Amino acid sequence: MPRTPGTLEKIFYAAHAYLPSYEQGADLIIVRAADGQLWGLACEFDLCTQDIRQAAVSGPQPFDAADPKFAEAHWRPHHDDIGLLPASWEDLMNAGLADCIAGYQLQSQLGIQPFPRG
């Protein structure tokens, strides 16, 4: 979707996730449902989870597909009740998920724009 100058667009915070059932990684955008609960949405699989910390590849640790935390994440099909309202940085801080965030995705773009690691 092309961006029109002077318009605002949604900014989704995003994490990298691993789905053991697919033996594949995915970009996970973090959304806030109308009831205030946070969900991680893997758009390419049309799946979501509330177990964001377990699904996310986070921190300075090297990725290990055998890490048992990935199997702890419960995934389900995305449904309209969750919606597509981006979670705010404050939402992420309050949920203790800030260290899981790897970047952001603008509504008009595909793919995550990584935050520099420093």
PDB file of N, CA and C in Angstrom:
ATOM      1  N   MET A   1       0.846  -1.158   0.000  1.00  0.00           N
ATOM      2  CA  MET A   1       0.000   0.000   0.000  1.00  0.00           C
ATOM      3  C   MET A   1       0.899   1.230   0.000  1.00  0.00           C
ATOM      4  N   PRO A   2       0.787   2.106  -0.991  1.00  0.00           N
ATOM      5  CA  PRO A   2       1.618   3.302  -1.017  1.00  0.00           C
ATOM      6  C   PRO A   2       1.211   4.276   0.084  1.00  0.00           C
ATOM      7  N   ARG A   3       2.203   4.974   0.602  1.00  0.00           N
ATOM      8  CA  ARG A   3       1.970   5.929   1.676  1.00  0.00           C
ATOM      9  C   ARG A   3       1.639   7.288   1.089  1.00  0.00           C
ATOM     10  N   THR A   4       0.588   7.908   1.589  1.00  0.00           N
ATOM     11  CA  THR A   4       0.204   9.246   1.177  1.00  0.00           C
ATOM     12  C   THR A   4       0.863  10.247   2.115  1.00  0.00           C
ATOM     13  N   PRO A   5       1.626  11.220   1.568  1.00  0.00           N
ATOM     14  CA  PRO A   5       2.283  12.201   2.442  1.00  0.00           C
ATOM     15  C   PRO A   5       1.268  12.887   3.361  1.00  0.00           C
ATOM     16  N   GLY A   6       1.678  13.083   4.614  1.00  0.00           N
ATOM     17  CA  GLY A   6       0.829  13.763   5.580  1.00  0.00           C
ATOM     18  C   GLY A   6      -0.153  12.849   6.299  1.00  0.00           C
ATOM     19  N   THR A   7      -0.124  11.554   6.002  1.00  0.00           N
ATOM     20  CA  THR A   7      -1.027  10.629   6.695  1.00  0.00           C
ATOM     21  C   THR A   7      -0.248   9.815   7.717  1.00  0.00           C
ATOM     22  N   LEU A   8      -0.932   9.401   8.754  1.00  0.00           N
ATOM     23  CA  LEU A   8      -0.322   8.558   9.773  1.00  0.00           C
ATOM     24  C   LEU A   8      -0.606   7.106   9.434  1.00  0.00           C
ATOM     25  N   GLU A   9       0.332   6.252   9.781  1.00  0.00           N
ATOM     26  CA  GLU A   9       0.095   4.836   9.585  1.00  0.00           C
ATOM     27  C   GLU A   9       0.466   4.083  10.846  1.00  0.00           C
ATOM     28  N   LYS A  10      -0.051   2.891  10.956  1.00  0.00           N
ATOM     29  CA  LYS A  10       0.207   2.080  12.135  1.00  0.00           C
ATOM     30  C   LYS A  10       1.654   1.608  12.146  1.00  0.00           C
ATOM     31  N   ILE A  11       2.230   1.590  13.343  1.00  0.00           N
ATOM     32  CA  ILE A  11       3.575   1.059  13.552  1.00  0.00           C
ATOM     33  C   ILE A  11       3.434  -0.124  14.510  1.00  0.00           C
ATOM     34  N   PHE A  12       3.816  -1.292  14.037  1.00  0.00           N
ATOM     35  CA  PHE A  12       3.745  -2.507  14.840  1.00  0.00           C
ATOM     36  C   PHE A  12       5.134  -2.849  15.351  1.00  0.00           C
ATOM     37  N   TYR A  13       5.266  -3.064  16.654  1.00  0.00           N
ATOM     38  CA  TYR A  13       6.508  -3.601  17.190  1.00  0.00           C
ATOM     39  C   TYR A  13       6.539  -5.079  16.844  1.00  0.00           C
ATOM     40  N   ALA A  14       7.735  -5.581  16.606  1.00  0.00           N
ATOM     41  CA  ALA A  14       7.841  -6.945  16.102  1.00  0.00           C
ATOM     42  C   ALA A  14       8.986  -7.702  16.746  1.00  0.00           C
ATOM     43  N   ALA A  15       8.815  -9.000  16.791  1.00  0.00           N
ATOM     44  CA  ALA A  15       9.829  -9.907  17.317  1.00  0.00           C
ATOM     45  C   ALA A  15      10.077 -10.984  16.262  1.00  0.00           C
ATOM     46  N   HIS A  16      11.190 -11.671  16.424  1.00  0.00           N
ATOM     47  CA  HIS A  16      11.442 -12.857  15.614  1.00  0.00           C
ATOM     48  C   HIS A  16      10.984 -14.041  16.454  1.00  0.00           C
ATOM     49  N   ALA A  17      10.296 -14.970  15.823  1.00  0.00           N
ATOM     50  CA  ALA A  17       9.767 -16.122  16.550  1.00  0.00           C
ATOM     51  C   ALA A  17      10.167 -17.401  15.831  1.00  0.00           C
ATOM     52  N   TYR A  18       9.998 -18.506  16.543  1.00  0.00           N
ATOM     53  CA  TYR A  18      10.257 -19.822  15.958  1.00  0.00           C
ATOM     54  C   TYR A  18       9.050 -20.712  16.230  1.00  0.00           C
ATOM     55  N   LEU A  19       8.550 -21.372  15.177  1.00  0.00           N
ATOM     56  CA  LEU A  19       7.418 -22.280  15.292  1.00  0.00           C
ATOM     57  C   LEU A  19       7.921 -23.703  15.074  1.00  0.00           C
ATOM     58  N   PRO A  20       8.078 -24.479  16.143  1.00  0.00           N
ATOM     59  CA  PRO A  20       8.617 -25.832  16.012  1.00  0.00           C
ATOM     60  C   PRO A  20       7.797 -26.725  15.086  1.00  0.00           C
ATOM     61  N   SER A  21       6.476 -26.546  15.072  1.00  0.00           N
ATOM     62  CA  SER A  21       5.632 -27.407  14.238  1.00  0.00           C
ATOM     63  C   SER A  21       5.905 -27.204  12.746  1.00  0.00           C
ATOM     64  N   TYR A  22       6.414 -26.047  12.378  1.00  0.00           N
ATOM     65  CA  TYR A  22       6.784 -25.764  10.988  1.00  0.00           C
ATOM     66  C   TYR A  22       8.299 -25.851  10.780  1.00  0.00           C
ATOM     67  N   GLU A  23       9.038 -25.993  11.887  1.00  0.00           N
ATOM     68  CA  GLU A  23      10.501 -25.965  11.849  1.00  0.00           C
ATOM     69  C   GLU A  23      10.988 -24.743  11.073  1.00  0.00           C
ATOM     70  N   GLN A  24      10.400 -23.584  11.420  1.00  0.00           N
ATOM     71  CA  GLN A  24      10.669 -22.369  10.665  1.00  0.00           C
ATOM     72  C   GLN A  24      10.493 -21.142  11.557  1.00  0.00           C
ATOM     73  N   GLY A  25      11.240 -20.116  11.244  1.00  0.00           N
ATOM     74  CA  GLY A  25      11.087 -18.841  11.912  1.00  0.00           C
ATOM     75  C   GLY A  25       9.986 -18.024  11.280  1.00  0.00           C
ATOM     76  N   ALA A  26       9.553 -17.007  12.001  1.00  0.00           N
ATOM     77  CA  ALA A  26       8.504 -16.122  11.507  1.00  0.00           C
ATOM     78  C   ALA A  26       8.670 -14.753  12.143  1.00  0.00           C
ATOM     79  N   ASP A  27       8.215 -13.738  11.449  1.00  0.00           N
ATOM     80  CA  ASP A  27       8.109 -12.406  12.034  1.00  0.00           C
ATOM     81  C   ASP A  27       6.823 -12.367  12.836  1.00  0.00           C
ATOM     82  N   LEU A  28       6.898 -11.814  14.024  1.00  0.00           N
ATOM     83  CA  LEU A  28       5.770 -11.786  14.946  1.00  0.00           C
ATOM     84  C   LEU A  28       5.453 -10.329  15.257  1.00  0.00           C
ATOM     85  N   ILE A  29       4.315  -9.833  14.776  1.00  0.00           N
ATOM     86  CA  ILE A  29       3.914  -8.475  15.139  1.00  0.00           C
ATOM     87  C   ILE A  29       3.065  -8.560  16.405  1.00  0.00           C
ATOM     88  N   ILE A  30       3.219  -7.558  17.259  1.00  0.00           N
ATOM     89  CA  ILE A  30       2.543  -7.577  18.552  1.00  0.00           C
ATOM     90  C   ILE A  30       1.332  -6.651  18.486  1.00  0.00           C
ATOM     91  N   VAL A  31       0.168  -7.216  18.743  1.00  0.00           N
ATOM     92  CA  VAL A  31      -1.083  -6.461  18.695  1.00  0.00           C
ATOM     93  C   VAL A  31      -1.768  -6.523  20.050  1.00  0.00           C
ATOM     94  N   ARG A  32      -2.655  -5.551  20.266  1.00  0.00           N
ATOM     95  CA  ARG A  32      -3.448  -5.500  21.504  1.00  0.00           C
ATOM     96  C   ARG A  32      -4.909  -5.661  21.130  1.00  0.00           C
ATOM     97  N   ALA A  33      -5.531  -6.701  21.654  1.00  0.00           N
ATOM     98  CA  ALA A  33      -6.946  -6.955  21.395  1.00  0.00           C
ATOM     99  C   ALA A  33      -7.801  -5.926  22.135  1.00  0.00           C
ATOM    100  N   ALA A  34      -9.064  -5.859  21.783  1.00  0.00           N
ATOM    101  CA  ALA A  34      -9.981  -4.903  22.413  1.00  0.00           C
ATOM    102  C   ALA A  34     -10.071  -5.108  23.920  1.00  0.00           C
ATOM    103  N   ASP A  35      -9.850  -6.345  24.389  1.00  0.00           N
ATOM    104  CA  ASP A  35      -9.897  -6.608  25.832  1.00  0.00           C
ATOM    105  C   ASP A  35      -8.579  -6.287  26.528  1.00  0.00           C
ATOM    106  N   GLY A  36      -7.593  -5.751  25.785  1.00  0.00           N
ATOM    107  CA  GLY A  36      -6.318  -5.335  26.349  1.00  0.00           C
ATOM    108  C   GLY A  36      -5.236  -6.395  26.335  1.00  0.00           C
ATOM    109  N   GLN A  37      -5.571  -7.637  25.986  1.00  0.00           N
ATOM    110  CA  GLN A  37      -4.576  -8.701  25.965  1.00  0.00           C
ATOM    111  C   GLN A  37      -3.657  -8.549  24.753  1.00  0.00           C
ATOM    112  N   LEU A  38      -2.380  -8.885  24.960  1.00  0.00           N
ATOM    113  CA  LEU A  38      -1.399  -8.820  23.883  1.00  0.00           C
ATOM    114  C   LEU A  38      -1.310 -10.161  23.178  1.00  0.00           C
ATOM    115  N   TRP A  39      -1.175 -10.087  21.871  1.00  0.00           N
ATOM    116  CA  TRP A  39      -1.038 -11.265  21.020  1.00  0.00           C
ATOM    117  C   TRP A  39       0.138 -11.054  20.076  1.00  0.00           C
ATOM    118  N   GLY A  40       0.835 -12.123  19.784  1.00  0.00           N
ATOM    119  CA  GLY A  40       1.840 -12.115  18.741  1.00  0.00           C
ATOM    120  C   GLY A  40       1.237 -12.771  17.516  1.00  0.00           C
ATOM    121  N   LEU A  41       1.291 -12.093  16.395  1.00  0.00           N
ATOM    122  CA  LEU A  41       0.671 -12.570  15.165  1.00  0.00           C
ATOM    123  C   LEU A  41       1.743 -12.871  14.128  1.00  0.00           C
ATOM    124  N   ALA A  42       1.802 -14.131  13.696  1.00  0.00           N
ATOM    125  CA  ALA A  42       2.687 -14.554  12.613  1.00  0.00           C
ATOM    126  C   ALA A  42       1.844 -14.541  11.342  1.00  0.00           C
ATOM    127  N   CYS A  43       1.871 -13.407  10.645  1.00  0.00           N
ATOM    128  CA  CYS A  43       0.979 -13.192   9.500  1.00  0.00           C
ATOM    129  C   CYS A  43       1.150 -14.240   8.405  1.00  0.00           C
ATOM    130  N   GLU A  44       2.404 -14.650   8.155  1.00  0.00           N
ATOM    131  CA  GLU A  44       2.630 -15.585   7.048  1.00  0.00           C
ATOM    132  C   GLU A  44       2.007 -16.948   7.293  1.00  0.00           C
ATOM    133  N   PHE A  45       1.713 -17.278   8.549  1.00  0.00           N
ATOM    134  CA  PHE A  45       1.064 -18.548   8.880  1.00  0.00           C
ATOM    135  C   PHE A  45      -0.383 -18.347   9.317  1.00  0.00           C
ATOM    136  N   ASP A  46      -0.813 -17.090   9.474  1.00  0.00           N
ATOM    137  CA  ASP A  46      -2.139 -16.751   9.974  1.00  0.00           C
ATOM    138  C   ASP A  46      -2.385 -17.403  11.336  1.00  0.00           C
ATOM    139  N   LEU A  47      -1.317 -17.406  12.154  1.00  0.00           N
ATOM    140  CA  LEU A  47      -1.364 -17.971  13.496  1.00  0.00           C
ATOM    141  C   LEU A  47      -1.035 -16.891  14.517  1.00  0.00           C
ATOM    142  N   CYS A  48      -1.504 -17.080  15.741  1.00  0.00           N
ATOM    143  CA  CYS A  48      -1.210 -16.129  16.802  1.00  0.00           C
ATOM    144  C   CYS A  48      -0.997 -16.871  18.115  1.00  0.00           C
ATOM    145  N   THR A  49      -0.365 -16.168  19.050  1.00  0.00           N
ATOM    146  CA  THR A  49      -0.101 -16.721  20.366  1.00  0.00           C
ATOM    147  C   THR A  49      -0.086 -15.612  21.399  1.00  0.00           C
ATOM    148  N   GLN A  50      -0.484 -15.952  22.610  1.00  0.00           N
ATOM    149  CA  GLN A  50      -0.311 -15.038  23.730  1.00  0.00           C
ATOM    150  C   GLN A  50       0.987 -15.360  24.459  1.00  0.00           C
ATOM    151  N   ASP A  51       1.623 -16.446  24.104  1.00  0.00           N
ATOM    152  CA  ASP A  51       2.879 -16.876  24.703  1.00  0.00           C
ATOM    153  C   ASP A  51       4.052 -16.250  23.944  1.00  0.00           C
ATOM    154  N   ILE A  52       4.067 -14.941  23.920  1.00  0.00           N
ATOM    155  CA  ILE A  52       5.045 -14.203  23.116  1.00  0.00           C
ATOM    156  C   ILE A  52       6.467 -14.475  23.587  1.00  0.00           C
ATOM    157  N   ARG A  53       6.693 -14.438  24.886  1.00  0.00           N
ATOM    158  CA  ARG A  53       8.050 -14.660  25.404  1.00  0.00           C
ATOM    159  C   ARG A  53       8.559 -16.051  25.033  1.00  0.00           C
ATOM    160  N   GLN A  54       7.704 -17.067  25.086  1.00  0.00           N
ATOM    161  CA  GLN A  54       8.132 -18.423  24.741  1.00  0.00           C
ATOM    162  C   GLN A  54       8.371 -18.577  23.239  1.00  0.00           C
ATOM    163  N   ALA A  55       7.621 -17.862  22.427  1.00  0.00           N
ATOM    164  CA  ALA A  55       7.748 -17.984  20.974  1.00  0.00           C
ATOM    165  C   ALA A  55       8.900 -17.153  20.413  1.00  0.00           C
ATOM    166  N   ALA A  56       9.275 -16.085  21.126  1.00  0.00           N
ATOM    167  CA  ALA A  56      10.236 -15.121  20.595  1.00  0.00           C
ATOM    168  C   ALA A  56      11.682 -15.596  20.712  1.00  0.00           C
ATOM    169  N   VAL A  57      12.424 -15.283  19.684  1.00  0.00           N
ATOM    170  CA  VAL A  57      13.884 -15.431  19.693  1.00  0.00           C
ATOM    171  C   VAL A  57      14.379 -14.098  20.236  1.00  0.00           C
ATOM    172  N   SER A  58      14.902 -14.093  21.462  1.00  0.00           N
ATOM    173  CA  SER A  58      15.171 -12.800  22.082  1.00  0.00           C
ATOM    174  C   SER A  58      16.556 -12.717  22.682  1.00  0.00           C
ATOM    175  N   GLY A  59      16.915 -11.473  22.934  1.00  0.00           N
ATOM    176  CA  GLY A  59      18.144 -11.184  23.653  1.00  0.00           C
ATOM    177  C   GLY A  59      19.402 -11.563  22.898  1.00  0.00           C
ATOM    178  N   PRO A  60      20.510 -11.512  23.618  1.00  0.00           N
ATOM    179  CA  PRO A  60      21.812 -11.770  22.995  1.00  0.00           C
ATOM    180  C   PRO A  60      22.137 -13.255  22.851  1.00  0.00           C
ATOM    181  N   GLN A  61      21.244 -14.117  23.348  1.00  0.00           N
ATOM    182  CA  GLN A  61      21.520 -15.544  23.273  1.00  0.00           C
ATOM    183  C   GLN A  61      21.444 -16.031  21.829  1.00  0.00           C
ATOM    184  N   PRO A  62      22.305 -16.966  21.457  1.00  0.00           N
ATOM    185  CA  PRO A  62      22.227 -17.509  20.097  1.00  0.00           C
ATOM    186  C   PRO A  62      20.954 -18.338  19.927  1.00  0.00           C
ATOM    187  N   PHE A  63      20.428 -18.331  18.727  1.00  0.00           N
ATOM    188  CA  PHE A  63      19.216 -19.092  18.426  1.00  0.00           C
ATOM    189  C   PHE A  63      19.511 -20.581  18.508  1.00  0.00           C
ATOM    190  N   ASP A  64      18.613 -21.324  19.142  1.00  0.00           N
ATOM    191  CA  ASP A  64      18.724 -22.772  19.255  1.00  0.00           C
ATOM    192  C   ASP A  64      17.332 -23.365  19.050  1.00  0.00           C
ATOM    193  N   ALA A  65      17.112 -24.004  17.910  1.00  0.00           N
ATOM    194  CA  ALA A  65      15.802 -24.572  17.593  1.00  0.00           C
ATOM    195  C   ALA A  65      15.371 -25.612  18.619  1.00  0.00           C
ATOM    196  N   ALA A  66      16.308 -26.206  19.328  1.00  0.00           N
ATOM    197  CA  ALA A  66      15.986 -27.226  20.327  1.00  0.00           C
ATOM    198  C   ALA A  66      15.627 -26.629  21.691  1.00  0.00           C
ATOM    199  N   ASP A  67      15.678 -25.307  21.835  1.00  0.00           N
ATOM    200  CA  ASP A  67      15.332 -24.676  23.106  1.00  0.00           C
ATOM    201  C   ASP A  67      13.899 -25.070  23.460  1.00  0.00           C
ATOM    202  N   PRO A  68      13.683 -25.681  24.634  1.00  0.00           N
ATOM    203  CA  PRO A  68      12.346 -26.159  24.994  1.00  0.00           C
ATOM    204  C   PRO A  68      11.290 -25.064  25.144  1.00  0.00           C
ATOM    205  N   LYS A  69      11.708 -23.810  25.304  1.00  0.00           N
ATOM    206  CA  LYS A  69      10.720 -22.739  25.468  1.00  0.00           C
ATOM    207  C   LYS A  69       9.832 -22.596  24.238  1.00  0.00           C
ATOM    208  N   PHE A  70      10.377 -22.891  23.042  1.00  0.00           N
ATOM    209  CA  PHE A  70       9.572 -22.755  21.824  1.00  0.00           C
ATOM    210  C   PHE A  70       8.387 -23.722  21.821  1.00  0.00           C
ATOM    211  N   ALA A  71       8.562 -24.904  22.384  1.00  0.00           N
ATOM    212  CA  ALA A  71       7.482 -25.895  22.448  1.00  0.00           C
ATOM    213  C   ALA A  71       6.407 -25.494  23.453  1.00  0.00           C
ATOM    214  N   GLU A  72       6.719 -24.573  24.361  1.00  0.00           N
ATOM    215  CA  GLU A  72       5.752 -24.115  25.363  1.00  0.00           C
ATOM    216  C   GLU A  72       4.742 -23.126  24.802  1.00  0.00           C
ATOM    217  N   ALA A  73       5.038 -22.520  23.660  1.00  0.00           N
ATOM    218  CA  ALA A  73       4.123 -21.541  23.063  1.00  0.00           C
ATOM    219  C   ALA A  73       2.941 -22.268  22.426  1.00  0.00           C
ATOM    220  N   HIS A  74       1.746 -21.827  22.780  1.00  0.00           N
ATOM    221  CA  HIS A  74       0.533 -22.391  22.199  1.00  0.00           C
ATOM    222  C   HIS A  74       0.068 -21.471  21.070  1.00  0.00           C
ATOM    223  N   TRP A  75      -0.053 -22.025  19.895  1.00  0.00           N
ATOM    224  CA  TRP A  75      -0.449 -21.276  18.708  1.00  0.00           C
ATOM    225  C   TRP A  75      -1.887 -21.628  18.346  1.00  0.00           C
ATOM    226  N   ARG A  76      -2.592 -20.658  17.784  1.00  0.00           N
ATOM    227  CA  ARG A  76      -3.949 -20.899  17.302  1.00  0.00           C
ATOM    228  C   ARG A  76      -4.195 -20.046  16.077  1.00  0.00           C
ATOM    229  N   PRO A  77      -5.192 -20.383  15.288  1.00  0.00           N
ATOM    230  CA  PRO A  77      -5.493 -19.552  14.111  1.00  0.00           C
ATOM    231  C   PRO A  77      -5.876 -18.135  14.531  1.00  0.00           C
ATOM    232  N   HIS A  78      -5.435 -17.175  13.770  1.00  0.00           N
ATOM    233  CA  HIS A  78      -5.807 -15.781  14.034  1.00  0.00           C
ATOM    234  C   HIS A  78      -7.309 -15.637  13.796  1.00  0.00           C
ATOM    235  N   HIS A  79      -7.971 -14.840  14.627  1.00  0.00           N
ATOM    236  CA  HIS A  79      -9.394 -14.590  14.430  1.00  0.00           C
ATOM    237  C   HIS A  79      -9.658 -13.095  14.580  1.00  0.00           C
ATOM    238  N   ASP A  80     -10.748 -12.651  13.996  1.00  0.00           N
ATOM    239  CA  ASP A  80     -11.057 -11.219  13.934  1.00  0.00           C
ATOM    240  C   ASP A  80     -11.222 -10.566  15.303  1.00  0.00           C
ATOM    241  N   ASP A  81     -11.566 -11.340  16.339  1.00  0.00           N
ATOM    242  CA  ASP A  81     -11.733 -10.755  17.674  1.00  0.00           C
ATOM    243  C   ASP A  81     -10.433 -10.161  18.207  1.00  0.00           C
ATOM    244  N   ILE A  82      -9.302 -10.656  17.735  1.00  0.00           N
ATOM    245  CA  ILE A  82      -8.003 -10.129  18.169  1.00  0.00           C
ATOM    246  C   ILE A  82      -7.758  -8.770  17.543  1.00  0.00           C
ATOM    247  N   GLY A  83      -8.095  -8.618  16.294  1.00  0.00           N
ATOM    248  CA  GLY A  83      -7.924  -7.353  15.594  1.00  0.00           C
ATOM    249  C   GLY A  83      -6.478  -7.093  15.208  1.00  0.00           C
ATOM    250  N   LEU A  84      -6.240  -5.884  14.737  1.00  0.00           N
ATOM    251  CA  LEU A  84      -4.910  -5.488  14.288  1.00  0.00           C
ATOM    252  C   LEU A  84      -4.502  -4.129  14.848  1.00  0.00           C
ATOM    253  N   LEU A  85      -4.823  -3.887  16.107  1.00  0.00           N
ATOM    254  CA  LEU A  85      -4.406  -2.658  16.776  1.00  0.00           C
ATOM    255  C   LEU A  85      -2.996  -2.862  17.311  1.00  0.00           C
ATOM    256  N   PRO A  86      -2.040  -2.053  16.889  1.00  0.00           N
ATOM    257  CA  PRO A  86      -0.664  -2.245  17.366  1.00  0.00           C
ATOM    258  C   PRO A  86      -0.550  -2.051  18.872  1.00  0.00           C
ATOM    259  N   ALA A  87       0.239  -2.895  19.507  1.00  0.00           N
ATOM    260  CA  ALA A  87       0.560  -2.708  20.918  1.00  0.00           C
ATOM    261  C   ALA A  87       1.507  -1.519  21.030  1.00  0.00           C
ATOM    262  N   SER A  88       1.337  -0.734  22.063  1.00  0.00           N
ATOM    263  CA  SER A  88       2.222   0.418  22.280  1.00  0.00           C
ATOM    264  C   SER A  88       3.487  -0.042  23.007  1.00  0.00           C
ATOM    265  N   TRP A  89       4.499   0.824  22.996  1.00  0.00           N
ATOM    266  CA  TRP A  89       5.725   0.508  23.741  1.00  0.00           C
ATOM    267  C   TRP A  89       5.399   0.363  25.228  1.00  0.00           C
ATOM    268  N   GLU A  90       4.499   1.178  25.727  1.00  0.00           N
ATOM    269  CA  GLU A  90       4.088   1.081  27.129  1.00  0.00           C
ATOM    270  C   GLU A  90       3.444  -0.284  27.406  1.00  0.00           C
ATOM    271  N   ASP A  91       2.609  -0.772  26.484  1.00  0.00           N
ATOM    272  CA  ASP A  91       2.013  -2.109  26.627  1.00  0.00           C
ATOM    273  C   ASP A  91       3.110  -3.165  26.764  1.00  0.00           C
ATOM    274  N   LEU A  92       4.127  -3.054  25.920  1.00  0.00           N
ATOM    275  CA  LEU A  92       5.222  -4.032  25.926  1.00  0.00           C
ATOM    276  C   LEU A  92       6.030  -3.949  27.216  1.00  0.00           C
ATOM    277  N   MET A  93       6.295  -2.739  27.677  1.00  0.00           N
ATOM    278  CA  MET A  93       7.036  -2.556  28.927  1.00  0.00           C
ATOM    279  C   MET A  93       6.251  -3.134  30.106  1.00  0.00           C
ATOM    280  N   ASN A  94       4.963  -2.843  30.157  1.00  0.00           N
ATOM    281  CA  ASN A  94       4.130  -3.333  31.253  1.00  0.00           C
ATOM    282  C   ASN A  94       4.033  -4.855  31.265  1.00  0.00           C
ATOM    283  N   ALA A  95       4.112  -5.472  30.087  1.00  0.00           N
ATOM    284  CA  ALA A  95       4.032  -6.934  29.977  1.00  0.00           C
ATOM    285  C   ALA A  95       5.399  -7.603  30.108  1.00  0.00           C
ATOM    286  N   GLY A  96       6.461  -6.801  30.247  1.00  0.00           N
ATOM    287  CA  GLY A  96       7.806  -7.359  30.366  1.00  0.00           C
ATOM    288  C   GLY A  96       8.325  -7.956  29.071  1.00  0.00           C
ATOM    289  N   LEU A  97       7.889  -7.407  27.946  1.00  0.00           N
ATOM    290  CA  LEU A  97       8.262  -7.968  26.644  1.00  0.00           C
ATOM    291  C   LEU A  97       9.247  -7.108  25.854  1.00  0.00           C
ATOM    292  N   ALA A  98       9.689  -6.006  26.422  1.00  0.00           N
ATOM    293  CA  ALA A  98      10.538  -5.077  25.669  1.00  0.00           C
ATOM    294  C   ALA A  98      11.797  -5.746  25.124  1.00  0.00           C
ATOM    295  N   ASP A  99      12.378  -6.685  25.891  1.00  0.00           N
ATOM    296  CA  ASP A  99      13.615  -7.322  25.428  1.00  0.00           C
ATOM    297  C   ASP A  99      13.378  -8.336  24.315  1.00  0.00           C
ATOM    298  N   CYS A 100      12.116  -8.636  24.008  1.00  0.00           N
ATOM    299  CA  CYS A 100      11.792  -9.547  22.907  1.00  0.00           C
ATOM    300  C   CYS A 100      11.699  -8.818  21.565  1.00  0.00           C
ATOM    301  N   ILE A 101      11.593  -7.503  21.609  1.00  0.00           N
ATOM    302  CA  ILE A 101      11.324  -6.740  20.392  1.00  0.00           C
ATOM    303  C   ILE A 101      12.606  -6.543  19.589  1.00  0.00           C
ATOM    304  N   ALA A 102      12.537  -6.930  18.317  1.00  0.00           N
ATOM    305  CA  ALA A 102      13.696  -6.856  17.430  1.00  0.00           C
ATOM    306  C   ALA A 102      13.616  -5.689  16.452  1.00  0.00           C
ATOM    307  N   GLY A 103      12.426  -5.129  16.282  1.00  0.00           N
ATOM    308  CA  GLY A 103      12.269  -4.051  15.320  1.00  0.00           C
ATOM    309  C   GLY A 103      10.817  -3.626  15.226  1.00  0.00           C
ATOM    310  N   TYR A 104      10.480  -3.066  14.082  1.00  0.00           N
ATOM    311  CA  TYR A 104       9.122  -2.587  13.868  1.00  0.00           C
ATOM    312  C   TYR A 104       8.725  -2.832  12.423  1.00  0.00           C
ATOM    313  N   GLN A 105       7.431  -2.801  12.198  1.00  0.00           N
ATOM    314  CA  GLN A 105       6.910  -2.930  10.846  1.00  0.00           C
ATOM    315  C   GLN A 105       5.866  -1.846  10.644  1.00  0.00           C
ATOM    316  N   LEU A 106       6.030  -1.062   9.598  1.00  0.00           N
ATOM    317  CA  LEU A 106       5.035  -0.062   9.253  1.00  0.00           C
ATOM    318  C   LEU A 106       3.892  -0.748   8.516  1.00  0.00           C
ATOM    319  N   GLN A 107       2.699  -0.222   8.694  1.00  0.00           N
ATOM    320  CA  GLN A 107       1.513  -0.791   8.061  1.00  0.00           C
ATOM    321  C   GLN A 107       1.683  -0.899   6.545  1.00  0.00           C
ATOM    322  N   SER A 108       2.386   0.039   5.946  1.00  0.00           N
ATOM    323  CA  SER A 108       2.507   0.079   4.492  1.00  0.00           C
ATOM    324  C   SER A 108       3.664  -0.753   3.950  1.00  0.00           C
ATOM    325  N   GLN A 109       4.396  -1.431   4.818  1.00  0.00           N
ATOM    326  CA  GLN A 109       5.579  -2.158   4.369  1.00  0.00           C
ATOM    327  C   GLN A 109       5.499  -3.630   4.733  1.00  0.00           C
ATOM    328  N   LEU A 110       6.252  -4.413   3.990  1.00  0.00           N
ATOM    329  CA  LEU A 110       6.421  -5.823   4.312  1.00  0.00           C
ATOM    330  C   LEU A 110       7.754  -5.984   5.010  1.00  0.00           C
ATOM    331  N   GLY A 111       7.808  -6.842   5.980  1.00  0.00           N
ATOM    332  CA  GLY A 111       9.063  -7.126   6.648  1.00  0.00           C
ATOM    333  C   GLY A 111       9.346  -6.191   7.803  1.00  0.00           C
ATOM    334  N   ILE A 112      10.159  -6.695   8.693  1.00  0.00           N
ATOM    335  CA  ILE A 112      10.543  -5.956   9.891  1.00  0.00           C
ATOM    336  C   ILE A 112      11.766  -5.093   9.614  1.00  0.00           C
ATOM    337  N   GLN A 113      11.714  -3.867  10.099  1.00  0.00           N
ATOM    338  CA  GLN A 113      12.865  -2.977  10.088  1.00  0.00           C
ATOM    339  C   GLN A 113      13.580  -3.195  11.416  1.00  0.00           C
ATOM    340  N   PRO A 114      14.795  -3.732  11.406  1.00  0.00           N
ATOM    341  CA  PRO A 114      15.446  -4.069  12.690  1.00  0.00           C
ATOM    342  C   PRO A 114      15.923  -2.834  13.432  1.00  0.00           C
ATOM    343  N   PHE A 115      15.879  -2.939  14.769  1.00  0.00           N
ATOM    344  CA  PHE A 115      16.504  -1.944  15.619  1.00  0.00           C
ATOM    345  C   PHE A 115      17.981  -2.278  15.672  1.00  0.00           C
ATOM    346  N   PRO A 116      18.841  -1.260  15.654  1.00  0.00           N
ATOM    347  CA  PRO A 116      20.280  -1.554  15.756  1.00  0.00           C
ATOM    348  C   PRO A 116      20.603  -2.143  17.125  1.00  0.00           C
ATOM    349  N   ARG A 117      21.463  -3.111  17.128  1.00  0.00           N
ATOM    350  CA  ARG A 117      21.937  -3.711  18.394  1.00  0.00           C
ATOM    351  C   ARG A 117      23.190  -2.973  18.804  1.00  0.00           C
ATOM    352  N   GLY A 118      23.256  -2.568  20.042  1.00  0.00           N
ATOM    353  CA  GLY A 118      24.423  -1.812  20.440  1.00  0.00           C
ATOM    354  C   GLY A 118      24.890  -2.047  21.794  1.00  0.00           C
TER     355      GLY A 118
END
